[in-house]
Amino acid sequence: MASSFFVRTQVSPMTPLLPDASQRSASMPTMSEIMDASRTQGLRLRLQSLGPFFRVRAEAEDGAELGRAEGVVRPWVGGKVLHLDSMRLSQDTLRMDRSIFGFGLFIGAAAVRHGFDRGCRRAELLAINDSPLFHSKLVRFYTRMGFKAVHEVDGSSVGDLAHMLVWGGRGTRMDADIEQLLIKWGKRFKS
């Protein structure tokens, strides 16, 4: 005599298990929302691109450059990749009454949104290891932003040589899903 055991689950039609594409898209900030939010913070962001290369420049209201990010959109197996090559903040940001990582979020959000608009699915960067203290701060910052460490580039292997040539140094290679980054940051830029 066989016995049967049934488990009945009920899913409400009003609450989807995963957000659909329109819900995800609505929670992501547009480039204009990022630009508007930066202006409310006294920043003016400018995006320049030439082919696959791009630069996001942050300026103060008086036109002084506060920081910039540069990178390239490149084809890769499985889709385009946003290669974030560098982010630099000027010394003027250190004297300001705000967190330098706040500026980094605005500059990074514009760069990531540009990659999304160009069809990138993944972003990659190297948290450079110039000094142990600053490196640990960079890794924590990018982790909070939504990046995950994928490889330590320390020069100890032959494989690190390629990373060091591409990135120009040692550090922690980090990746992120661009859509997830924009969803995570969405509330910060929505009015």
C-alpha atoms as a PDB file:
ATOM      1  CA  MET A   1       0.000   0.000   0.000  1.00  0.00           C
ATOM      2  CA  ALA A   2       1.588   3.216  -1.179  1.00  0.00           C
ATOM      3  CA  SER A   3       1.035   6.445   0.664  1.00  0.00           C
ATOM      4  CA  SER A   4       1.011   9.827  -0.926  1.00  0.00           C
ATOM      5  CA  PHE A   5       2.192  13.084   0.502  1.00  0.00           C
ATOM      6  CA  PHE A   6       1.167  16.350  -1.098  1.00  0.00           C
ATOM      7  CA  VAL A   7       2.335  19.810  -0.223  1.00  0.00           C
ATOM      8  CA  ARG A   8       0.112  22.583  -1.400  1.00  0.00           C
ATOM      9  CA  THR A   9       1.673  25.947  -1.959  1.00  0.00           C
ATOM     10  CA  GLN A  10      -0.220  29.025  -2.808  1.00  0.00           C
ATOM     11  CA  VAL A  11       1.282  31.966  -4.633  1.00  0.00           C
ATOM     12  CA  SER A  12      -0.675  35.145  -4.700  1.00  0.00           C
ATOM     13  CA  PRO A  13      -1.120  36.488  -8.221  1.00  0.00           C
ATOM     14  CA  MET A  14      -0.621  40.007  -6.792  1.00  0.00           C
ATOM     15  CA  THR A  15       2.985  39.439  -5.677  1.00  0.00           C
ATOM     16  CA  PRO A  16       5.369  38.164  -8.333  1.00  0.00           C
ATOM     17  CA  LEU A  17       8.299  36.053  -7.185  1.00  0.00           C
ATOM     18  CA  LEU A  18      10.812  38.113  -9.163  1.00  0.00           C
ATOM     19  CA  PRO A  19      10.389  41.627 -10.473  1.00  0.00           C
ATOM     20  CA  ASP A  20       9.684  41.723 -14.175  1.00  0.00           C
ATOM     21  CA  ALA A  21      11.716  43.770 -16.625  1.00  0.00           C
ATOM     22  CA  SER A  22       9.457  46.824 -16.413  1.00  0.00           C
ATOM     23  CA  GLN A  23       9.662  46.882 -12.594  1.00  0.00           C
ATOM     24  CA  ARG A  24      13.451  46.527 -12.703  1.00  0.00           C
ATOM     25  CA  SER A  25      13.716  49.250 -15.315  1.00  0.00           C
ATOM     26  CA  ALA A  26      11.490  51.603 -13.299  1.00  0.00           C
ATOM     27  CA  SER A  27      13.727  51.239 -10.230  1.00  0.00           C
ATOM     28  CA  MET A  28      16.921  52.077 -12.172  1.00  0.00           C
ATOM     29  CA  PRO A  29      17.919  55.728 -12.424  1.00  0.00           C
ATOM     30  CA  THR A  30      18.085  57.248 -15.883  1.00  0.00           C
ATOM     31  CA  MET A  31      21.064  59.301 -16.963  1.00  0.00           C
ATOM     32  CA  SER A  32      18.999  62.486 -16.632  1.00  0.00           C
ATOM     33  CA  GLU A  33      18.004  61.535 -13.049  1.00  0.00           C
ATOM     34  CA  ILE A  34      21.682  60.997 -12.180  1.00  0.00           C
ATOM     35  CA  MET A  35      22.603  64.352 -13.713  1.00  0.00           C
ATOM     36  CA  ASP A  36      19.720  66.120 -11.894  1.00  0.00           C
ATOM     37  CA  ALA A  37      20.657  64.557  -8.542  1.00  0.00           C
ATOM     38  CA  SER A  38      24.279  65.620  -9.005  1.00  0.00           C
ATOM     39  CA  ARG A  39      23.214  69.215  -9.655  1.00  0.00           C
ATOM     40  CA  THR A  40      21.309  69.275  -6.363  1.00  0.00           C
ATOM     41  CA  GLN A  41      24.640  68.380  -4.689  1.00  0.00           C
ATOM     42  CA  GLY A  42      26.483  71.238  -6.403  1.00  0.00           C
ATOM     43  CA  LEU A  43      28.112  68.973  -9.018  1.00  0.00           C
ATOM     44  CA  ARG A  44      27.900  69.186 -12.764  1.00  0.00           C
ATOM     45  CA  LEU A  45      28.597  65.883 -14.523  1.00  0.00           C
ATOM     46  CA  ARG A  46      29.702  65.822 -18.137  1.00  0.00           C
ATOM     47  CA  LEU A  47      29.843  62.630 -20.192  1.00  0.00           C
ATOM     48  CA  GLN A  48      32.108  62.556 -23.231  1.00  0.00           C
ATOM     49  CA  SER A  49      32.530  59.569 -25.498  1.00  0.00           C
ATOM     50  CA  LEU A  50      34.480  58.758 -28.609  1.00  0.00           C
ATOM     51  CA  GLY A  51      33.697  55.350 -30.043  1.00  0.00           C
ATOM     52  CA  PRO A  52      33.956  52.834 -27.207  1.00  0.00           C
ATOM     53  CA  PHE A  53      35.964  55.217 -24.952  1.00  0.00           C
ATOM     54  CA  PHE A  54      34.289  57.481 -22.433  1.00  0.00           C
ATOM     55  CA  ARG A  55      35.028  60.017 -19.723  1.00  0.00           C
ATOM     56  CA  VAL A  56      32.753  61.299 -16.963  1.00  0.00           C
ATOM     57  CA  ARG A  57      33.923  64.602 -15.561  1.00  0.00           C
ATOM     58  CA  ALA A  58      32.609  66.162 -12.330  1.00  0.00           C
ATOM     59  CA  GLU A  59      32.856  69.923 -12.009  1.00  0.00           C
ATOM     60  CA  ALA A  60      32.035  72.333  -9.223  1.00  0.00           C
ATOM     61  CA  GLU A  61      29.561  75.119  -9.892  1.00  0.00           C
ATOM     62  CA  ASP A  62      32.486  77.425 -10.721  1.00  0.00           C
ATOM     63  CA  GLY A  63      33.748  74.983 -13.403  1.00  0.00           C
ATOM     64  CA  ALA A  64      36.715  73.570 -11.454  1.00  0.00           C
ATOM     65  CA  GLU A  65      37.262  69.868 -12.104  1.00  0.00           C
ATOM     66  CA  LEU A  66      36.582  67.799  -8.981  1.00  0.00           C
ATOM     67  CA  GLY A  67      37.063  64.357 -10.460  1.00  0.00           C
ATOM     68  CA  ARG A  68      36.802  62.106 -13.463  1.00  0.00           C
ATOM     69  CA  ALA A  69      36.295  58.505 -14.473  1.00  0.00           C
ATOM     70  CA  GLU A  70      37.517  56.963 -17.697  1.00  0.00           C
ATOM     71  CA  GLY A  71      36.934  53.649 -19.347  1.00  0.00           C
ATOM     72  CA  VAL A  72      35.906  51.725 -22.398  1.00  0.00           C
ATOM     73  CA  VAL A  73      32.951  49.623 -23.533  1.00  0.00           C
ATOM     74  CA  ARG A  74      34.375  46.448 -25.005  1.00  0.00           C
ATOM     75  CA  PRO A  75      32.960  43.307 -26.568  1.00  0.00           C
ATOM     76  CA  TRP A  76      33.475  40.125 -24.587  1.00  0.00           C
ATOM     77  CA  VAL A  77      32.217  36.565 -24.446  1.00  0.00           C
ATOM     78  CA  GLY A  78      28.600  36.745 -23.271  1.00  0.00           C
ATOM     79  CA  GLY A  79      28.092  40.427 -24.098  1.00  0.00           C
ATOM     80  CA  LYS A  80      29.664  43.832 -23.758  1.00  0.00           C
ATOM     81  CA  VAL A  81      31.689  44.748 -20.658  1.00  0.00           C
ATOM     82  CA  LEU A  82      32.109  48.155 -19.057  1.00  0.00           C
ATOM     83  CA  HIS A  83      35.830  48.413 -18.294  1.00  0.00           C
ATOM     84  CA  LEU A  84      36.265  51.130 -15.652  1.00  0.00           C
ATOM     85  CA  ASP A  85      39.883  52.086 -16.119  1.00  0.00           C
ATOM     86  CA  SER A  86      40.398  54.925 -13.667  1.00  0.00           C
ATOM     87  CA  MET A  87      38.696  57.268 -11.259  1.00  0.00           C
ATOM     88  CA  ARG A  88      40.497  60.279  -9.915  1.00  0.00           C
ATOM     89  CA  LEU A  89      39.336  62.918  -7.477  1.00  0.00           C
ATOM     90  CA  SER A  90      41.095  66.273  -7.203  1.00  0.00           C
ATOM     91  CA  GLN A  91      42.706  67.642  -4.060  1.00  0.00           C
ATOM     92  CA  ASP A  92      39.864  70.202  -3.888  1.00  0.00           C
ATOM     93  CA  THR A  93      37.481  67.413  -2.847  1.00  0.00           C
ATOM     94  CA  LEU A  94      39.533  66.827   0.301  1.00  0.00           C
ATOM     95  CA  ARG A  95      38.860  70.386   1.471  1.00  0.00           C
ATOM     96  CA  MET A  96      35.121  70.141   0.831  1.00  0.00           C
ATOM     97  CA  ASP A  97      32.532  69.539   3.496  1.00  0.00           C
ATOM     98  CA  ARG A  98      31.382  66.267   1.882  1.00  0.00           C
ATOM     99  CA  SER A  99      32.610  62.709   1.626  1.00  0.00           C
ATOM    100  CA  ILE A 100      34.901  62.076  -1.328  1.00  0.00           C
ATOM    101  CA  PHE A 101      33.115  58.742  -1.738  1.00  0.00           C
ATOM    102  CA  GLY A 102      29.876  60.687  -2.326  1.00  0.00           C
ATOM    103  CA  PHE A 103      31.508  62.277  -5.358  1.00  0.00           C
ATOM    104  CA  GLY A 104      32.684  58.843  -6.425  1.00  0.00           C
ATOM    105  CA  LEU A 105      29.128  57.522  -6.332  1.00  0.00           C
ATOM    106  CA  PHE A 106      27.867  60.249  -8.676  1.00  0.00           C
ATOM    107  CA  ILE A 107      30.761  59.835 -11.106  1.00  0.00           C
ATOM    108  CA  GLY A 108      30.500  56.035 -10.964  1.00  0.00           C
ATOM    109  CA  ALA A 109      26.724  56.044 -11.435  1.00  0.00           C
ATOM    110  CA  ALA A 110      27.046  58.138 -14.602  1.00  0.00           C
ATOM    111  CA  ALA A 111      29.747  55.793 -15.944  1.00  0.00           C
ATOM    112  CA  VAL A 112      27.710  52.667 -15.112  1.00  0.00           C
ATOM    113  CA  ARG A 113      24.525  54.108 -16.627  1.00  0.00           C
ATOM    114  CA  HIS A 114      26.501  54.947 -19.780  1.00  0.00           C
ATOM    115  CA  GLY A 115      27.617  51.315 -19.937  1.00  0.00           C
ATOM    116  CA  PHE A 116      24.056  50.101 -19.444  1.00  0.00           C
ATOM    117  CA  ASP A 117      22.823  52.404 -22.219  1.00  0.00           C
ATOM    118  CA  ARG A 118      25.549  50.989 -24.484  1.00  0.00           C
ATOM    119  CA  GLY A 119      24.412  47.396 -23.832  1.00  0.00           C
ATOM    120  CA  CYS A 120      26.921  46.304 -21.175  1.00  0.00           C
ATOM    121  CA  ARG A 121      25.837  43.639 -18.731  1.00  0.00           C
ATOM    122  CA  ARG A 122      28.900  43.609 -16.476  1.00  0.00           C
ATOM    123  CA  ALA A 123      31.273  46.213 -15.062  1.00  0.00           C
ATOM    124  CA  GLU A 124      34.858  45.491 -14.096  1.00  0.00           C
ATOM    125  CA  LEU A 125      37.515  47.487 -12.252  1.00  0.00           C
ATOM    126  CA  LEU A 126      40.732  47.163 -10.303  1.00  0.00           C
ATOM    127  CA  ALA A 127      40.849  48.543  -6.764  1.00  0.00           C
ATOM    128  CA  ILE A 128      44.469  49.613  -7.008  1.00  0.00           C
ATOM    129  CA  ASN A 129      46.851  48.691  -4.209  1.00  0.00           C
ATOM    130  CA  ASP A 130      49.085  51.749  -3.812  1.00  0.00           C
ATOM    131  CA  SER A 131      49.027  51.502  -0.012  1.00  0.00           C
ATOM    132  CA  PRO A 132      47.427  48.899   2.269  1.00  0.00           C
ATOM    133  CA  LEU A 133      45.236  51.454   4.075  1.00  0.00           C
ATOM    134  CA  PHE A 134      43.861  53.124   0.964  1.00  0.00           C
ATOM    135  CA  HIS A 135      43.459  49.762  -0.802  1.00  0.00           C
ATOM    136  CA  SER A 136      41.308  48.374   2.014  1.00  0.00           C
ATOM    137  CA  LYS A 137      39.148  51.536   1.892  1.00  0.00           C
ATOM    138  CA  LEU A 138      38.702  51.180  -1.871  1.00  0.00           C
ATOM    139  CA  VAL A 139      37.730  47.509  -1.597  1.00  0.00           C
ATOM    140  CA  ARG A 140      35.203  48.299   1.160  1.00  0.00           C
ATOM    141  CA  PHE A 141      33.775  51.207  -0.863  1.00  0.00           C
ATOM    142  CA  TYR A 142      33.355  49.167  -4.055  1.00  0.00           C
ATOM    143  CA  THR A 143      31.925  46.239  -2.086  1.00  0.00           C
ATOM    144  CA  ARG A 144      29.343  48.571  -0.516  1.00  0.00           C
ATOM    145  CA  MET A 145      28.543  49.842  -3.998  1.00  0.00           C
ATOM    146  CA  GLY A 146      27.814  46.283  -5.181  1.00  0.00           C
ATOM    147  CA  PHE A 147      31.065  44.978  -6.665  1.00  0.00           C
ATOM    148  CA  LYS A 148      32.517  41.587  -5.766  1.00  0.00           C
ATOM    149  CA  ALA A 149      36.202  40.679  -5.582  1.00  0.00           C
ATOM    150  CA  VAL A 150      37.092  38.119  -8.250  1.00  0.00           C
ATOM    151  CA  HIS A 151      40.909  38.050  -8.239  1.00  0.00           C
ATOM    152  CA  GLU A 152      43.863  39.404  -6.292  1.00  0.00           C
ATOM    153  CA  VAL A 153      46.398  40.799  -8.751  1.00  0.00           C
ATOM    154  CA  ASP A 154      49.641  40.670  -6.788  1.00  0.00           C
ATOM    155  CA  GLY A 155      52.179  39.592  -9.386  1.00  0.00           C
ATOM    156  CA  SER A 156      52.660  36.142  -7.887  1.00  0.00           C
ATOM    157  CA  SER A 157      51.551  34.216 -10.977  1.00  0.00           C
ATOM    158  CA  VAL A 158      52.054  34.330 -14.720  1.00  0.00           C
ATOM    159  CA  GLY A 159      48.324  35.037 -15.100  1.00  0.00           C
ATOM    160  CA  ASP A 160      48.748  38.227 -13.102  1.00  0.00           C
ATOM    161  CA  LEU A 161      51.028  39.616 -15.801  1.00  0.00           C
ATOM    162  CA  ALA A 162      48.081  40.057 -18.183  1.00  0.00           C
ATOM    163  CA  HIS A 163      46.036  41.758 -15.455  1.00  0.00           C
ATOM    164  CA  MET A 164      48.922  44.063 -14.598  1.00  0.00           C
ATOM    165  CA  LEU A 165      49.368  45.027 -18.255  1.00  0.00           C
ATOM    166  CA  VAL A 166      45.653  45.758 -18.698  1.00  0.00           C
ATOM    167  CA  TRP A 167      45.143  47.573 -15.394  1.00  0.00           C
ATOM    168  CA  GLY A 168      48.580  49.100 -14.900  1.00  0.00           C
ATOM    169  CA  GLY A 169      49.177  47.843 -11.392  1.00  0.00           C
ATOM    170  CA  ARG A 170      48.394  45.495  -8.532  1.00  0.00           C
ATOM    171  CA  GLY A 171      45.164  45.329  -6.610  1.00  0.00           C
ATOM    172  CA  THR A 172      41.821  43.572  -6.299  1.00  0.00           C
ATOM    173  CA  ARG A 173      39.921  42.822  -9.518  1.00  0.00           C
ATOM    174  CA  MET A 174      36.217  43.379  -8.942  1.00  0.00           C
ATOM    175  CA  ASP A 175      33.106  42.756 -11.065  1.00  0.00           C
ATOM    176  CA  ALA A 176      29.462  43.723 -10.807  1.00  0.00           C
ATOM    177  CA  ASP A 177      26.213  43.125 -12.638  1.00  0.00           C
ATOM    178  CA  ILE A 178      25.325  46.554 -14.075  1.00  0.00           C
ATOM    179  CA  GLU A 179      21.563  46.117 -13.772  1.00  0.00           C
ATOM    180  CA  GLN A 180      21.903  45.140 -10.112  1.00  0.00           C
ATOM    181  CA  LEU A 181      24.131  48.165  -9.436  1.00  0.00           C
ATOM    182  CA  LEU A 182      21.594  50.543 -10.935  1.00  0.00           C
ATOM    183  CA  ILE A 183      18.713  48.938  -9.030  1.00  0.00           C
ATOM    184  CA  LYS A 184      20.710  49.138  -5.782  1.00  0.00           C
ATOM    185  CA  TRP A 185      21.574  52.808  -6.350  1.00  0.00           C
ATOM    186  CA  GLY A 186      18.164  53.743  -7.752  1.00  0.00           C
ATOM    187  CA  LYS A 187      16.674  55.323  -4.642  1.00  0.00           C
ATOM    188  CA  ARG A 188      19.671  57.634  -4.275  1.00  0.00           C
ATOM    189  CA  PHE A 189      18.960  59.260  -7.639  1.00  0.00           C
ATOM    190  CA  LYS A 190      15.175  59.151  -7.837  1.00  0.00           C
ATOM    191  CA  SER A 191      13.425  62.380  -6.873  1.00  0.00           C
END
